[in-house]
C-alpha atoms as a PDB file:
ATOM      1  CA  MET A   1     -80.465 -39.835-277.935  1.00  0.00           C
ATOM      2  CA  PHE A   2     -82.909 -41.740-275.706  1.00  0.00           C
ATOM      3  CA  ASP A   3     -82.263 -45.468-275.486  1.00  0.00           C
ATOM      4  CA  PRO A   4     -85.397 -47.346-274.298  1.00  0.00           C
ATOM      5  CA  ASN A   5     -83.430 -50.542-273.667  1.00  0.00           C
ATOM      6  CA  ARG A   6     -80.947 -48.717-271.470  1.00  0.00           C
ATOM      7  CA  ALA A   7     -83.793 -47.046-269.599  1.00  0.00           C
ATOM      8  CA  LEU A   8     -85.401 -50.442-269.052  1.00  0.00           C
ATOM      9  CA  PHE A   9     -82.203 -51.880-267.639  1.00  0.00           C
ATOM     10  CA  GLU A  10     -81.755 -48.951-265.259  1.00  0.00           C
ATOM     11  CA  ALA A  11     -85.353 -49.320-264.057  1.00  0.00           C
ATOM     12  CA  VAL A  12     -84.874 -53.048-263.467  1.00  0.00           C
ATOM     13  CA  ARG A  13     -81.597 -52.412-261.653  1.00  0.00           C
ATOM     14  CA  GLN A  14     -83.107 -49.840-259.298  1.00  0.00           C
ATOM     15  CA  LYS A  15     -86.153 -51.978-258.575  1.00  0.00           C
ATOM     16  CA  SER A  16     -84.132 -55.104-257.919  1.00  0.00           C
ATOM     17  CA  ARG A  17     -81.609 -53.328-255.717  1.00  0.00           C
ATOM     18  CA  ALA A  18     -84.374 -51.949-253.520  1.00  0.00           C
ATOM     19  CA  GLN A  19     -86.153 -55.307-253.348  1.00  0.00           C
ATOM     20  CA  TRP A  20     -82.988 -57.309-252.717  1.00  0.00           C
ATOM     21  CA  SER A  21     -81.788 -54.822-250.108  1.00  0.00           C
ATOM     22  CA  HIS A  22     -85.008 -55.346-248.153  1.00  0.00           C
ATOM     23  CA  ARG A  23     -84.676 -59.116-248.396  1.00  0.00           C
ATOM     24  CA  THR A  24     -81.034 -58.956-247.251  1.00  0.00           C
ATOM     25  CA  VAL A  25     -81.897 -56.919-244.160  1.00  0.00           C
ATOM     26  CA  VAL A  26     -84.712 -59.292-243.220  1.00  0.00           C
ATOM     27  CA  ARG A  27     -82.555 -62.353-243.872  1.00  0.00           C
ATOM     28  CA  ASN A  28     -79.591 -61.062-241.881  1.00  0.00           C
ATOM     29  CA  LYS A  29     -81.805 -60.406-238.886  1.00  0.00           C
ATOM     30  CA  SER A  30     -83.139 -63.959-238.817  1.00  0.00           C
ATOM     31  CA  ASP A  31     -80.492 -66.208-240.373  1.00  0.00           C
ATOM     32  CA  HIS A  32     -79.247 -68.947-238.066  1.00  0.00           C
ATOM     33  CA  ARG A  33     -80.525 -67.497-234.820  1.00  0.00           C
ATOM     34  CA  LEU A  34     -79.541 -70.689-232.980  1.00  0.00           C
ATOM     35  CA  THR A  35     -75.931 -70.943-234.173  1.00  0.00           C
ATOM     36  CA  GLY A  36     -73.772 -72.486-231.453  1.00  0.00           C
ATOM     37  CA  LEU A  37     -76.765 -73.274-229.249  1.00  0.00           C
ATOM     38  CA  LEU A  38     -78.164 -76.515-230.704  1.00  0.00           C
ATOM     39  CA  PHE A  39     -76.991 -80.017-229.715  1.00  0.00           C
ATOM     40  CA  ASP A  40     -78.370 -83.422-230.591  1.00  0.00           C
ATOM     41  CA  ASP A  41     -79.217 -85.776-227.718  1.00  0.00           C
ATOM     42  CA  ALA A  42     -75.860 -87.529-228.124  1.00  0.00           C
ATOM     43  CA  GLY A  43     -74.077 -84.289-227.241  1.00  0.00           C
ATOM     44  CA  HIS A  44     -72.940 -83.273-230.742  1.00  0.00           C
ATOM     45  CA  ARG A  45     -73.220 -79.656-231.783  1.00  0.00           C
ATOM     46  CA  MET A  46     -75.655 -79.007-234.652  1.00  0.00           C
ATOM     47  CA  ILE A  47     -74.087 -76.740-237.271  1.00  0.00           C
ATOM     48  CA  PRO A  48     -75.992 -74.359-239.582  1.00  0.00           C
ATOM     49  CA  THR A  49     -75.872 -75.237-243.264  1.00  0.00           C
ATOM     50  CA  HIS A  50     -78.044 -74.783-246.333  1.00  0.00           C
ATOM     51  CA  ALA A  51     -79.013 -76.260-249.682  1.00  0.00           C
ATOM     52  CA  THR A  52     -80.020 -74.311-252.784  1.00  0.00           C
ATOM     53  CA  LYS A  53     -82.601 -75.572-255.247  1.00  0.00           C
ATOM     54  CA  ALA A  54     -83.686 -73.526-258.267  1.00  0.00           C
ATOM     55  CA  GLY A  55     -82.260 -70.401-256.671  1.00  0.00           C
ATOM     56  CA  ILE A  56     -84.119 -70.912-253.380  1.00  0.00           C
ATOM     57  CA  ARG A  57     -82.025 -71.272-250.213  1.00  0.00           C
ATOM     58  CA  TYR A  58     -83.203 -73.827-247.630  1.00  0.00           C
ATOM     59  CA  ARG A  59     -81.534 -73.600-244.200  1.00  0.00           C
ATOM     60  CA  TYR A  60     -80.863 -76.508-241.822  1.00  0.00           C
ATOM     61  CA  TYR A  61     -79.044 -77.413-238.618  1.00  0.00           C
ATOM     62  CA  VAL A  62     -77.078 -80.651-238.990  1.00  0.00           C
ATOM     63  CA  SER A  63     -75.338 -82.766-236.354  1.00  0.00           C
ATOM     64  CA  THR A  64     -71.539 -82.501-236.606  1.00  0.00           C
ATOM     65  CA  PRO A  65     -70.826 -86.201-237.350  1.00  0.00           C
ATOM     66  CA  VAL A  66     -73.384 -86.209-240.179  1.00  0.00           C
ATOM     67  CA  LEU A  67     -72.034 -82.978-241.615  1.00  0.00           C
ATOM     68  CA  HIS A  68     -68.486 -84.346-241.570  1.00  0.00           C
ATOM     69  CA  GLY A  69     -69.438 -87.743-242.985  1.00  0.00           C
ATOM     70  CA  GLU A  70     -68.780 -89.573-239.711  1.00  0.00           C
ATOM     71  CA  ALA A  71     -72.286 -90.855-239.035  1.00  0.00           C
ATOM     72  CA  LYS A  72     -71.222 -94.496-239.483  1.00  0.00           C
ATOM     73  CA  THR A  73     -68.345 -94.279-237.021  1.00  0.00           C
ATOM     74  CA  ALA A  74     -69.771 -91.920-234.379  1.00  0.00           C
ATOM     75  CA  SER A  75     -72.867 -92.280-232.247  1.00  0.00           C
ATOM     76  CA  VAL A  76     -75.362 -89.718-233.479  1.00  0.00           C
ATOM     77  CA  GLY A  77     -78.463 -88.389-231.790  1.00  0.00           C
ATOM     78  CA  SER A  78     -82.039 -89.423-232.488  1.00  0.00           C
ATOM     79  CA  VAL A  79     -82.414 -86.353-234.734  1.00  0.00           C
ATOM     80  CA  SER A  80     -79.449 -85.410-236.896  1.00  0.00           C
ATOM     81  CA  ARG A  81     -80.934 -82.723-239.183  1.00  0.00           C
ATOM     82  CA  VAL A  82     -83.716 -80.176-238.667  1.00  0.00           C
ATOM     83  CA  PRO A  83     -85.152 -77.390-240.868  1.00  0.00           C
ATOM     84  CA  ALA A  84     -83.807 -74.123-239.454  1.00  0.00           C
ATOM     85  CA  THR A  85     -86.914 -71.986-239.829  1.00  0.00           C
ATOM     86  CA  ASP A  86     -89.191 -74.536-238.143  1.00  0.00           C
ATOM     87  CA  ILE A  87     -87.064 -75.036-235.053  1.00  0.00           C
ATOM     88  CA  GLU A  88     -86.217 -71.327-234.754  1.00  0.00           C
ATOM     89  CA  ASP A  89     -89.902 -70.388-234.839  1.00  0.00           C
ATOM     90  CA  VAL A  90     -90.754 -72.973-232.177  1.00  0.00           C
ATOM     91  CA  ILE A  91     -87.946 -71.835-229.876  1.00  0.00           C
ATOM     92  CA  VAL A  92     -88.694 -68.117-230.215  1.00  0.00           C
ATOM     93  CA  LYS A  93     -92.455 -68.578-229.727  1.00  0.00           C
ATOM     94  CA  SER A  94     -91.948 -70.795-226.664  1.00  0.00           C
ATOM     95  CA  LEU A  95     -89.383 -68.429-225.158  1.00  0.00           C
ATOM     96  CA  LYS A  96     -91.696 -65.459-225.518  1.00  0.00           C
ATOM     97  CA  GLU A  97     -94.567 -67.337-223.874  1.00  0.00           C
ATOM     98  CA  HIS A  98     -92.340 -68.661-221.088  1.00  0.00           C
ATOM     99  CA  LEU A  99     -90.772 -65.306-220.242  1.00  0.00           C
ATOM    100  CA  ALA A 100     -94.068 -63.458-220.462  1.00  0.00           C
ATOM    101  CA  ALA A 101     -95.683 -65.913-218.051  1.00  0.00           C
ATOM    102  CA  LYS A 102     -92.686 -65.787-215.700  1.00  0.00           C
ATOM    103  CA  ARG A 103     -92.804 -61.988-215.584  1.00  0.00           C
ATOM    104  CA  ASP A 104     -96.598 -61.677-215.613  1.00  0.00           C
ATOM    105  CA  GLY A 105     -96.577 -60.344-219.157  1.00  0.00           C
ATOM    106  CA  SER A 106     -94.850 -57.108-218.148  1.00  0.00           C
ATOM    107  CA  THR A 107     -92.130 -57.392-220.807  1.00  0.00           C
ATOM    108  CA  THR A 108     -94.083 -59.045-223.609  1.00  0.00           C
ATOM    109  CA  SER A 109     -94.282 -55.952-225.793  1.00  0.00           C
ATOM    110  CA  ALA A 110     -90.613 -55.083-225.318  1.00  0.00           C
ATOM    111  CA  LEU A 111     -89.317 -58.596-225.865  1.00  0.00           C
ATOM    112  CA  THR A 112     -87.613 -59.115-229.211  1.00  0.00           C
ATOM    113  CA  LEU A 113     -85.840 -62.331-230.134  1.00  0.00           C
ATOM    114  CA  GLY A 114     -85.213 -61.579-233.774  1.00  0.00           C
ATOM    115  CA  ASP A 115     -81.451 -62.172-233.885  1.00  0.00           C
ATOM    116  CA  ARG A 116     -78.898 -64.553-232.485  1.00  0.00           C
ATOM    117  CA  SER A 117     -77.281 -62.157-229.991  1.00  0.00           C
ATOM    118  CA  THR A 118     -80.569 -61.604-228.154  1.00  0.00           C
ATOM    119  CA  VAL A 119     -81.316 -65.337-227.991  1.00  0.00           C
ATOM    120  CA  ALA A 120     -77.747 -66.130-226.892  1.00  0.00           C
ATOM    121  CA  GLU A 121     -78.078 -63.742-223.958  1.00  0.00           C
ATOM    122  CA  LEU A 122     -80.780 -65.980-222.520  1.00  0.00           C
ATOM    123  CA  ILE A 123     -79.836 -69.510-223.608  1.00  0.00           C
ATOM    124  CA  ALA A 124     -76.797 -71.661-222.851  1.00  0.00           C
ATOM    125  CA  GLY A 125     -77.876 -74.563-225.049  1.00  0.00           C
ATOM    126  CA  ILE A 126     -80.759 -76.454-226.626  1.00  0.00           C
ATOM    127  CA  VAL A 127     -80.836 -80.249-226.794  1.00  0.00           C
ATOM    128  CA  VAL A 128     -82.836 -81.750-229.654  1.00  0.00           C
ATOM    129  CA  HIS A 129     -84.685 -85.010-228.860  1.00  0.00           C
ATOM    130  CA  ARG A 130     -87.019 -86.975-231.072  1.00  0.00           C
ATOM    131  CA  ASP A 131     -90.080 -85.772-229.125  1.00  0.00           C
ATOM    132  CA  ARG A 132     -88.973 -82.605-227.324  1.00  0.00           C
ATOM    133  CA  LEU A 133     -86.574 -79.688-227.155  1.00  0.00           C
ATOM    134  CA  VAL A 134     -84.834 -78.957-223.857  1.00  0.00           C
ATOM    135  CA  VAL A 135     -83.778 -75.319-223.508  1.00  0.00           C
ATOM    136  CA  ARG A 136     -81.112 -74.644-220.906  1.00  0.00           C
ATOM    137  CA  PHE A 137     -81.066 -71.073-219.651  1.00  0.00           C
ATOM    138  CA  LYS A 138     -77.855 -69.332-218.707  1.00  0.00           C
ATOM    139  CA  SER A 139     -76.759 -69.351-215.085  1.00  0.00           C
ATOM    140  CA  ASP A 140     -73.478 -69.490-213.214  1.00  0.00           C
ATOM    141  CA  ARG A 141     -73.614 -73.296-213.202  1.00  0.00           C
ATOM    142  CA  ALA A 142     -75.287 -73.904-216.548  1.00  0.00           C
ATOM    143  CA  ASP A 143     -73.885 -76.689-218.692  1.00  0.00           C
ATOM    144  CA  GLU A 144     -74.775 -75.767-222.249  1.00  0.00           C
ATOM    145  CA  ALA A 145     -75.132 -79.352-223.491  1.00  0.00           C
ATOM    146  CA  SER A 146     -77.004 -80.658-220.468  1.00  0.00           C
ATOM    147  CA  ASP A 147     -80.715 -81.447-220.603  1.00  0.00           C
ATOM    148  CA  ARG A 148     -81.229 -82.264-216.906  1.00  0.00           C
ATOM    149  CA  PRO A 149     -84.608 -80.720-215.995  1.00  0.00           C
ATOM    150  CA  ASP A 150     -84.582 -78.095-213.251  1.00  0.00           C
ATOM    151  CA  ASN A 151     -85.724 -74.523-212.772  1.00  0.00           C
ATOM    152  CA  GLN A 152     -83.061 -73.389-215.261  1.00  0.00           C
ATOM    153  CA  SER A 153     -84.532 -75.309-218.201  1.00  0.00           C
ATOM    154  CA  LEU A 154     -87.625 -75.391-220.361  1.00  0.00           C
ATOM    155  CA  THR A 155     -88.959 -78.516-222.051  1.00  0.00           C
ATOM    156  CA  ILE A 156     -90.899 -77.932-225.270  1.00  0.00           C
ATOM    157  CA  PRO A 157     -92.957 -80.758-226.824  1.00  0.00           C
ATOM    158  CA  TRP A 158     -91.793 -81.069-230.416  1.00  0.00           C
ATOM    159  CA  GLN A 159     -91.452 -83.420-233.354  1.00  0.00           C
ATOM    160  CA  LYS A 160     -89.267 -83.028-236.390  1.00  0.00           C
ATOM    161  CA  PRO A 161     -91.334 -82.027-239.444  1.00  0.00           C
ATOM    162  CA  PRO A 162     -91.508 -84.813-242.060  1.00  0.00           C
ATOM    163  CA  SER A 163     -88.778 -84.501-244.669  1.00  0.00           C
ATOM    164  CA  LYS A 164     -91.312 -85.090-247.446  1.00  0.00           C
ATOM    165  CA  ARG A 165     -94.531 -83.247-246.841  1.00  0.00           C
ATOM    166  CA  SER A 166     -97.634 -84.081-248.820  1.00  0.00           C
ATOM    167  CA  ARG A 167     -98.012 -81.790-251.811  1.00  0.00           C
ATOM    168  CA  ARG A 168    -101.003 -79.494-251.499  1.00  0.00           C
ATOM    169  CA  ILE A 169    -101.709 -78.056-254.929  1.00  0.00           C
ATOM    170  CA  LEU A 170    -102.531 -74.327-255.023  1.00  0.00           C
ATOM    171  CA  LEU A 171    -106.232 -74.167-255.816  1.00  0.00           C
ATOM    172  CA  PRO A 172    -107.804 -71.953-258.479  1.00  0.00           C
ATOM    173  CA  HIS A 173    -110.834 -69.938-257.342  1.00  0.00           C
ATOM    174  CA  ASN A 174    -114.013 -72.019-256.965  1.00  0.00           C
ATOM    175  CA  ALA A 175    -112.202 -75.308-257.623  1.00  0.00           C
ATOM    176  CA  SER A 176    -112.223 -78.422-255.446  1.00  0.00           C
ATOM    177  CA  ARG A 177    -108.992 -80.214-254.621  1.00  0.00           C
ATOM    178  CA  SER A 178    -110.189 -83.429-256.260  1.00  0.00           C
ATOM    179  CA  ASP A 179    -110.557 -81.645-259.620  1.00  0.00           C
ATOM    180  CA  VAL A 180    -107.061 -80.122-259.722  1.00  0.00           C
ATOM    181  CA  ARG A 181    -103.973 -81.906-261.049  1.00  0.00           C
ATOM    182  CA  PRO A 182    -100.358 -80.745-260.718  1.00  0.00           C
ATOM    183  CA  GLU A 183     -98.346 -79.483-263.654  1.00  0.00           C
ATOM    184  CA  GLN A 184     -96.595 -82.182-265.699  1.00  0.00           C
ATOM    185  CA  PHE A 185     -93.020 -82.924-264.663  1.00  0.00           C
ATOM    186  CA  GLU A 186     -91.421 -81.793-267.941  1.00  0.00           C
ATOM    187  CA  ARG A 187     -93.243 -78.455-267.892  1.00  0.00           C
ATOM    188  CA  ARG A 188     -92.427 -77.964-264.221  1.00  0.00           C
ATOM    189  CA  ALA A 189     -88.738 -78.642-264.888  1.00  0.00           C
ATOM    190  CA  ARG A 190     -88.732 -76.064-267.700  1.00  0.00           C
ATOM    191  CA  LEU A 191     -90.426 -73.521-265.444  1.00  0.00           C
ATOM    192  CA  VAL A 192     -87.963 -74.004-262.583  1.00  0.00           C
ATOM    193  CA  SER A 193     -85.040 -73.712-265.007  1.00  0.00           C
ATOM    194  CA  ALA A 194     -86.513 -70.519-266.481  1.00  0.00           C
ATOM    195  CA  ILE A 195     -86.949 -68.961-263.018  1.00  0.00           C
ATOM    196  CA  ALA A 196     -83.351 -69.793-262.135  1.00  0.00           C
ATOM    197  CA  ARG A 197     -82.196 -68.333-265.464  1.00  0.00           C
ATOM    198  CA  GLY A 198     -84.192 -65.150-264.865  1.00  0.00           C
ATOM    199  CA  ARG A 199     -82.631 -64.720-261.433  1.00  0.00           C
ATOM    200  CA  ARG A 200     -79.175 -65.290-262.861  1.00  0.00           C
ATOM    201  CA  TRP A 201     -79.706 -62.727-265.617  1.00  0.00           C
ATOM    202  CA  LEU A 202     -81.130 -60.237-263.138  1.00  0.00           C
ATOM    203  CA  ASP A 203     -78.068 -60.671-260.969  1.00  0.00           C
ATOM    204  CA  ASP A 204     -75.945 -59.884-264.032  1.00  0.00           C
ATOM    205  CA  VAL A 205     -77.911 -56.649-264.481  1.00  0.00           C
ATOM    206  CA  VAL A 206     -77.747 -55.619-260.818  1.00  0.00           C
ATOM    207  CA  SER A 207     -74.030 -56.367-260.504  1.00  0.00           C
ATOM    208  CA  GLY A 208     -73.216 -54.481-263.710  1.00  0.00           C
ATOM    209  CA  ARG A 209     -71.756 -57.523-265.467  1.00  0.00           C
ATOM    210  CA  VAL A 210     -74.246 -56.743-268.242  1.00  0.00           C
ATOM    211  CA  THR A 211     -74.990 -53.129-269.149  1.00  0.00           C
ATOM    212  CA  THR A 212     -77.289 -53.335-272.181  1.00  0.00           C
ATOM    213  CA  VAL A 213     -80.086 -55.526-273.510  1.00  0.00           C
ATOM    214  CA  ALA A 214     -78.107 -56.070-276.688  1.00  0.00           C
ATOM    215  CA  GLU A 215     -75.149 -57.426-274.745  1.00  0.00           C
ATOM    216  CA  LEU A 216     -77.321 -59.934-272.903  1.00  0.00           C
ATOM    217  CA  CYS A 217     -79.152 -60.912-276.105  1.00  0.00           C
ATOM    218  CA  ALA A 218     -75.868 -61.532-277.890  1.00  0.00           C
ATOM    219  CA  ARG A 219     -74.499 -63.602-275.050  1.00  0.00           C
ATOM    220  CA  GLU A 220     -77.629 -65.750-274.673  1.00  0.00           C
ATOM    221  CA  LYS A 221     -78.498 -65.790-278.408  1.00  0.00           C
ATOM    222  CA  CYS A 222     -82.107 -64.735-277.867  1.00  0.00           C
ATOM    223  CA  SER A 223     -84.442 -61.832-278.568  1.00  0.00           C
ATOM    224  CA  VAL A 224     -85.043 -58.697-276.513  1.00  0.00           C
ATOM    225  CA  ARG A 225     -88.549 -59.918-275.675  1.00  0.00           C
ATOM    226  CA  GLN A 226     -87.248 -63.246-274.420  1.00  0.00           C
ATOM    227  CA  VAL A 227     -84.708 -61.498-272.199  1.00  0.00           C
ATOM    228  CA  ASN A 228     -87.361 -59.202-270.715  1.00  0.00           C
ATOM    229  CA  MET A 229     -89.870 -61.996-270.143  1.00  0.00           C
ATOM    230  CA  THR A 230     -87.273 -64.293-268.582  1.00  0.00           C
ATOM    231  CA  ILE A 231     -86.004 -61.612-266.191  1.00  0.00           C
ATOM    232  CA  SER A 232     -89.612 -60.884-265.181  1.00  0.00           C
ATOM    233  CA  LEU A 233     -89.756 -64.390-263.626  1.00  0.00           C
ATOM    234  CA  ALA A 234     -87.188 -63.213-261.054  1.00  0.00           C
ATOM    235  CA  PHE A 235     -89.901 -61.004-259.530  1.00  0.00           C
ATOM    236  CA  LEU A 236     -92.345 -63.820-258.768  1.00  0.00           C
ATOM    237  CA  ALA A 237     -93.648 -64.043-255.213  1.00  0.00           C
ATOM    238  CA  PRO A 238     -91.527 -66.402-253.073  1.00  0.00           C
ATOM    239  CA  ASN A 239     -94.553 -68.613-252.367  1.00  0.00           C
ATOM    240  CA  LEU A 240     -95.198 -69.026-256.094  1.00  0.00           C
ATOM    241  CA  VAL A 241     -91.552 -69.983-256.696  1.00  0.00           C
ATOM    242  CA  LYS A 242     -91.678 -72.415-253.780  1.00  0.00           C
ATOM    243  CA  ALA A 243     -94.874 -73.979-255.174  1.00  0.00           C
ATOM    244  CA  ALA A 244     -93.211 -74.326-258.594  1.00  0.00           C
ATOM    245  CA  VAL A 245     -90.161 -76.065-257.125  1.00  0.00           C
ATOM    246  CA  GLU A 246     -92.314 -78.408-255.029  1.00  0.00           C
ATOM    247  CA  GLY A 247     -94.640 -79.244-257.916  1.00  0.00           C
ATOM    248  CA  ARG A 248     -97.704 -77.636-256.323  1.00  0.00           C
ATOM    249  CA  LEU A 249     -98.795 -75.383-259.173  1.00  0.00           C
ATOM    250  CA  PRO A 250    -101.965 -76.568-260.906  1.00  0.00           C
ATOM    251  CA  ARG A 251    -101.801 -77.748-264.498  1.00  0.00           C
ATOM    252  CA  GLY A 252    -101.808 -74.828-266.916  1.00  0.00           C
ATOM    253  CA  ILE A 253     -99.739 -72.491-264.708  1.00  0.00           C
ATOM    254  CA  GLY A 254     -96.435 -72.548-266.576  1.00  0.00           C
ATOM    255  CA  ILE A 255     -93.858 -70.166-267.986  1.00  0.00           C
ATOM    256  CA  GLU A 256     -96.301 -68.364-270.264  1.00  0.00           C
ATOM    257  CA  ARG A 257     -98.798 -67.632-267.460  1.00  0.00           C
ATOM    258  CA  LEU A 258     -96.154 -66.521-264.987  1.00  0.00           C
ATOM    259  CA  ARG A 259     -94.185 -64.139-267.217  1.00  0.00           C
ATOM    260  CA  ASP A 260     -94.472 -60.375-266.632  1.00  0.00           C
ATOM    261  CA  PRO A 261     -96.270 -60.662-263.258  1.00  0.00           C
ATOM    262  CA  PRO A 262     -97.753 -57.715-261.296  1.00  0.00           C
ATOM    263  CA  THR A 263     -95.252 -55.973-259.026  1.00  0.00           C
ATOM    264  CA  ASP A 264     -97.306 -56.605-255.884  1.00  0.00           C
ATOM    265  CA  TRP A 265     -96.842 -60.223-254.787  1.00  0.00           C
ATOM    266  CA  SER A 266    -100.413 -60.525-253.484  1.00  0.00           C
ATOM    267  CA  GLN A 267    -101.773 -59.391-256.857  1.00  0.00           C
ATOM    268  CA  GLN A 268     -99.857 -62.166-258.623  1.00  0.00           C
ATOM    269  CA  PHE A 269    -102.101 -64.822-257.074  1.00  0.00           C
ATOM    270  CA  GLU A 270    -105.199 -62.844-258.045  1.00  0.00           C
ATOM    271  CA  ALA A 271    -103.965 -62.418-261.628  1.00  0.00           C
ATOM    272  CA  LEU A 272    -103.473 -66.183-261.891  1.00  0.00           C
ATOM    273  CA  GLY A 273    -106.841 -66.937-260.311  1.00  0.00           C
ATOM    274  CA  LEU A 274    -105.170 -68.807-257.443  1.00  0.00           C
ATOM    275  CA  ASN A 275    -105.930 -68.843-253.745  1.00  0.00           C
ATOM    276  CA  PRO A 276    -102.839 -67.803-251.701  1.00  0.00           C
ATOM    277  CA  GLU A 277    -101.509 -70.335-249.234  1.00  0.00           C
END
């Protein structure tokens, strides 16, 4: 006998496995590309770490004394923590430009710096200053923690991104920024909690810890519709989730508006009447 709930769960499981598999491949190619290569300007290695908020993983590089709680007893550099994605993007972009110019652009198309092993083949170390990054290329005499300028190094103007960036609310179509207010804190907190819950329930489905809608409904003491609508929040576009966590969704865009979104991430913004970032 056909079970529509079982069919729904199998469809969700297949969709999520395919989507998560793609995300895992992309993440593994780019995660912590500078591991073992970053040092603060006091000579301490900067270690990769991360923080998770509402199911979103934020990556950082942190100076060893700070990571080990020794910042008060050890001399730390002028910058002790940097967002991983920001500094990785700066380094990779600058390396590509530098190497292309050095080789007259002959290897630009073939140059790929998407993973750590490729970057590590070129770089002995990167020293993080308050106003610049000093990249030390590998050579027979290279000192990986040295930032002495010579023809084996590259200095990149740089400043650490502010830890608290100004919130730019996502704008509805044909609306001016002065007319738009962010969602109220209580509603935002409920939304973020619901997204996290949807991701957790989806993980239960994908992993096989839950095999039927009825089982999940009984465990969570809620209806089939509530289960389906909550799990649908796990398929929100990453930029929408990020805006929800940071309080940048306009007032009126809450749980009810975000449930059961279109599959295509770009169409989710259109369905909500929002301009993508």
